[in-house]
């Protein structure tokens, strides 16, 4: 919802859950991110193999271009 712009109804349909369940999951996720942001120090950097690095780079490129259809998988490059 926050990144790709799906509505609560769309997320509910995609995940096969109720709107209250989607709201609860979003709340838990946001709270978890706030907690991580409050922790001191930098998290350890996880290593990635080349295929994962390439996939992440493609995602970032599409996200920065605001090509959300490509991110969602509706449009292929």
N, C-alpha and C. Protein backbone atom coordinates (compact mmCIF):
# COMPACT_ATOMS: atom_id res chain seq x y z
N UNK A 1 0.83 -1.18 0.00
CA UNK A 1 0.00 0.00 0.00
C UNK A 1 0.88 1.25 0.00
N UNK A 2 1.84 1.31 0.90
CA UNK A 2 2.66 2.50 1.04
C UNK A 2 3.65 2.66 -0.12
N UNK A 3 4.08 1.58 -0.70
CA UNK A 3 5.09 1.66 -1.76
C UNK A 3 4.47 1.57 -3.14
N UNK A 4 3.62 0.58 -3.36
CA UNK A 4 3.08 0.36 -4.69
C UNK A 4 1.72 1.02 -4.93
N UNK A 5 1.13 1.54 -3.87
CA UNK A 5 -0.10 2.30 -4.02
C UNK A 5 -1.38 1.48 -4.15
N UNK A 6 -1.32 0.21 -3.80
CA UNK A 6 -2.55 -0.59 -3.82
C UNK A 6 -3.51 -0.08 -2.76
N UNK A 7 -4.80 -0.19 -3.04
CA UNK A 7 -5.81 0.18 -2.04
C UNK A 7 -5.98 -0.98 -1.05
N UNK A 8 -6.67 -0.70 0.05
CA UNK A 8 -6.96 -1.75 1.02
C UNK A 8 -7.75 -2.88 0.36
N UNK A 9 -8.69 -2.52 -0.48
CA UNK A 9 -9.51 -3.51 -1.16
C UNK A 9 -8.65 -4.39 -2.08
N UNK A 10 -7.73 -3.77 -2.82
CA UNK A 10 -6.87 -4.53 -3.72
C UNK A 10 -5.97 -5.49 -2.94
N UNK A 11 -5.40 -5.01 -1.85
CA UNK A 11 -4.53 -5.86 -1.03
C UNK A 11 -5.34 -7.01 -0.45
N UNK A 12 -6.54 -6.73 -0.01
CA UNK A 12 -7.41 -7.76 0.54
C UNK A 12 -7.67 -8.84 -0.50
N UNK A 13 -7.94 -8.43 -1.72
CA UNK A 13 -8.20 -9.38 -2.80
C UNK A 13 -6.94 -10.18 -3.14
N UNK A 14 -5.80 -9.51 -3.25
CA UNK A 14 -4.53 -10.17 -3.60
C UNK A 14 -4.15 -11.20 -2.55
N UNK A 15 -4.29 -10.83 -1.28
CA UNK A 15 -3.83 -11.71 -0.20
C UNK A 15 -4.90 -12.69 0.27
N UNK A 16 -6.13 -12.49 -0.17
CA UNK A 16 -7.21 -13.38 0.25
C UNK A 16 -7.58 -13.21 1.71
N UNK A 17 -7.41 -12.00 2.22
CA UNK A 17 -7.75 -11.72 3.62
C UNK A 17 -8.78 -10.60 3.67
N UNK A 18 -9.22 -10.30 4.87
CA UNK A 18 -10.21 -9.23 5.06
C UNK A 18 -9.50 -7.88 5.15
N UNK A 19 -10.25 -6.83 4.95
CA UNK A 19 -9.69 -5.48 5.08
C UNK A 19 -9.19 -5.24 6.51
N UNK A 20 -9.92 -5.65 7.57
CA UNK A 20 -9.36 -5.49 8.91
C UNK A 20 -8.03 -6.23 9.09
N UNK A 21 -7.88 -7.40 8.47
CA UNK A 21 -6.61 -8.14 8.57
C UNK A 21 -5.49 -7.38 7.85
N UNK A 22 -5.81 -6.77 6.72
CA UNK A 22 -4.82 -5.97 5.99
C UNK A 22 -4.39 -4.78 6.83
N UNK A 23 -5.37 -4.09 7.44
CA UNK A 23 -5.05 -2.94 8.29
C UNK A 23 -4.17 -3.35 9.46
N UNK A 24 -4.47 -4.49 10.07
CA UNK A 24 -3.67 -4.97 11.20
C UNK A 24 -2.25 -5.29 10.76
N UNK A 25 -2.09 -5.93 9.60
CA UNK A 25 -0.76 -6.26 9.10
C UNK A 25 0.04 -5.00 8.78
N UNK A 26 -0.61 -4.02 8.17
CA UNK A 26 0.06 -2.75 7.88
C UNK A 26 0.50 -2.07 9.18
N UNK A 27 -0.36 -2.08 10.18
CA UNK A 27 -0.03 -1.48 11.46
C UNK A 27 1.18 -2.17 12.10
N UNK A 28 1.19 -3.51 12.09
CA UNK A 28 2.32 -4.26 12.66
C UNK A 28 3.60 -3.97 11.89
N UNK A 29 3.51 -3.95 10.57
CA UNK A 29 4.69 -3.68 9.75
C UNK A 29 5.25 -2.29 9.99
N UNK A 30 4.38 -1.31 10.02
CA UNK A 30 4.83 0.07 10.25
C UNK A 30 5.45 0.22 11.64
N UNK A 31 4.84 -0.41 12.64
CA UNK A 31 5.38 -0.35 14.01
C UNK A 31 6.76 -1.02 14.06
N UNK A 32 6.90 -2.14 13.36
CA UNK A 32 8.19 -2.82 13.33
C UNK A 32 9.27 -1.97 12.68
N UNK A 33 8.91 -1.27 11.60
CA UNK A 33 9.88 -0.39 10.94
C UNK A 33 10.26 0.79 11.84
N UNK A 34 9.27 1.33 12.56
CA UNK A 34 9.59 2.43 13.49
C UNK A 34 10.55 1.95 14.56
N UNK A 35 10.33 0.75 15.07
CA UNK A 35 11.21 0.20 16.10
C UNK A 35 12.62 -0.01 15.55
N UNK A 36 12.74 -0.54 14.38
CA UNK A 36 14.07 -0.71 13.76
C UNK A 36 14.77 0.63 13.58
N UNK A 37 14.02 1.65 13.19
CA UNK A 37 14.61 2.97 12.97
C UNK A 37 15.12 3.58 14.28
N UNK A 38 14.54 3.21 15.41
CA UNK A 38 14.96 3.75 16.70
C UNK A 38 16.19 3.05 17.26
N UNK A 39 16.53 1.88 16.74
CA UNK A 39 17.65 1.13 17.29
C UNK A 39 18.97 1.81 16.93
N UNK A 40 19.89 1.88 17.89
CA UNK A 40 21.17 2.55 17.62
C UNK A 40 22.06 1.70 16.71
N UNK A 41 22.98 2.37 16.04
CA UNK A 41 23.96 1.66 15.22
C UNK A 41 23.39 1.25 13.88
N UNK A 42 24.28 0.81 13.04
CA UNK A 42 23.88 0.35 11.72
C UNK A 42 23.68 -1.16 11.74
N UNK A 43 22.66 -1.62 11.05
CA UNK A 43 22.48 -3.07 10.97
C UNK A 43 23.60 -3.70 10.15
N UNK A 44 23.87 -4.95 10.43
CA UNK A 44 24.88 -5.67 9.66
C UNK A 44 24.44 -5.76 8.21
N UNK A 45 25.39 -5.60 7.32
CA UNK A 45 25.09 -5.67 5.89
C UNK A 45 25.05 -7.12 5.45
N UNK A 46 23.96 -7.51 4.88
CA UNK A 46 23.82 -8.88 4.38
C UNK A 46 24.43 -8.97 2.99
N UNK A 47 25.15 -10.03 2.75
CA UNK A 47 25.72 -10.24 1.43
C UNK A 47 24.69 -10.78 0.48
N UNK A 48 24.83 -10.43 -0.79
CA UNK A 48 23.91 -10.92 -1.81
C UNK A 48 24.70 -11.51 -2.96
N UNK A 49 24.18 -12.56 -3.50
CA UNK A 49 24.76 -13.15 -4.69
C UNK A 49 24.40 -12.27 -5.89
N UNK A 50 25.13 -12.40 -6.96
CA UNK A 50 24.93 -11.57 -8.14
C UNK A 50 23.49 -11.59 -8.67
N UNK A 51 22.82 -12.74 -8.76
CA UNK A 51 21.43 -12.69 -9.26
C UNK A 51 20.50 -11.83 -8.40
N UNK A 52 20.68 -11.91 -7.08
CA UNK A 52 19.86 -11.09 -6.19
C UNK A 52 20.20 -9.61 -6.33
N UNK A 53 21.50 -9.30 -6.48
CA UNK A 53 21.92 -7.91 -6.68
C UNK A 53 21.31 -7.35 -7.96
N UNK A 54 21.32 -8.14 -9.03
CA UNK A 54 20.76 -7.69 -10.30
C UNK A 54 19.25 -7.48 -10.18
N UNK A 55 18.56 -8.38 -9.47
CA UNK A 55 17.12 -8.25 -9.27
C UNK A 55 16.80 -6.99 -8.47
N UNK A 56 17.59 -6.74 -7.42
CA UNK A 56 17.38 -5.54 -6.61
C UNK A 56 17.64 -4.28 -7.43
N UNK A 57 18.70 -4.28 -8.23
CA UNK A 57 19.02 -3.12 -9.07
C UNK A 57 17.88 -2.83 -10.05
N UNK A 58 17.30 -3.89 -10.64
CA UNK A 58 16.18 -3.72 -11.57
C UNK A 58 14.97 -3.14 -10.84
N UNK A 59 14.71 -3.63 -9.62
CA UNK A 59 13.59 -3.11 -8.83
C UNK A 59 13.80 -1.63 -8.53
N UNK A 60 14.99 -1.27 -8.08
CA UNK A 60 15.28 0.12 -7.74
C UNK A 60 15.12 1.02 -8.96
N UNK A 61 15.63 0.55 -10.09
CA UNK A 61 15.51 1.33 -11.33
C UNK A 61 14.05 1.57 -11.68
N UNK A 62 13.24 0.53 -11.62
CA UNK A 62 11.82 0.66 -11.94
C UNK A 62 11.09 1.52 -10.91
N UNK A 63 11.44 1.35 -9.63
CA UNK A 63 10.81 2.15 -8.58
C UNK A 63 11.13 3.63 -8.78
N UNK A 64 12.39 3.95 -9.01
CA UNK A 64 12.79 5.34 -9.20
C UNK A 64 12.16 5.95 -10.45
N UNK A 65 11.88 5.12 -11.45
CA UNK A 65 11.22 5.59 -12.66
C UNK A 65 9.70 5.65 -12.47
N UNK A 66 9.24 5.24 -11.29
CA UNK A 66 7.81 5.18 -10.98
C UNK A 66 7.06 4.25 -11.93
N UNK A 67 7.74 3.20 -12.38
CA UNK A 67 7.15 2.20 -13.28
C UNK A 67 6.55 1.09 -12.42
N UNK A 68 5.47 1.41 -11.73
CA UNK A 68 4.89 0.48 -10.77
C UNK A 68 4.23 -0.72 -11.45
N UNK A 69 3.78 -0.54 -12.68
CA UNK A 69 3.23 -1.70 -13.40
C UNK A 69 4.31 -2.76 -13.61
N UNK A 70 5.51 -2.32 -13.95
CA UNK A 70 6.62 -3.27 -14.12
C UNK A 70 6.96 -3.94 -12.79
N UNK A 71 6.93 -3.18 -11.72
CA UNK A 71 7.21 -3.76 -10.40
C UNK A 71 6.16 -4.80 -10.05
N UNK A 72 4.93 -4.48 -10.33
CA UNK A 72 3.84 -5.41 -10.03
C UNK A 72 3.88 -6.64 -10.92
N UNK A 73 4.64 -6.57 -12.01
CA UNK A 73 4.75 -7.72 -12.90
C UNK A 73 3.77 -7.69 -14.06
N UNK A 74 3.04 -6.59 -14.21
CA UNK A 74 2.07 -6.49 -15.29
C UNK A 74 2.76 -6.18 -16.62
N UNK A 75 3.88 -5.48 -16.53
CA UNK A 75 4.62 -5.12 -17.76
C UNK A 75 6.02 -5.71 -17.65
N UNK A 76 6.46 -6.33 -18.68
CA UNK A 76 7.79 -6.95 -18.68
C UNK A 76 8.74 -6.10 -19.50
N UNK A 77 9.97 -6.02 -19.06
CA UNK A 77 11.00 -5.31 -19.82
C UNK A 77 11.86 -6.28 -20.54
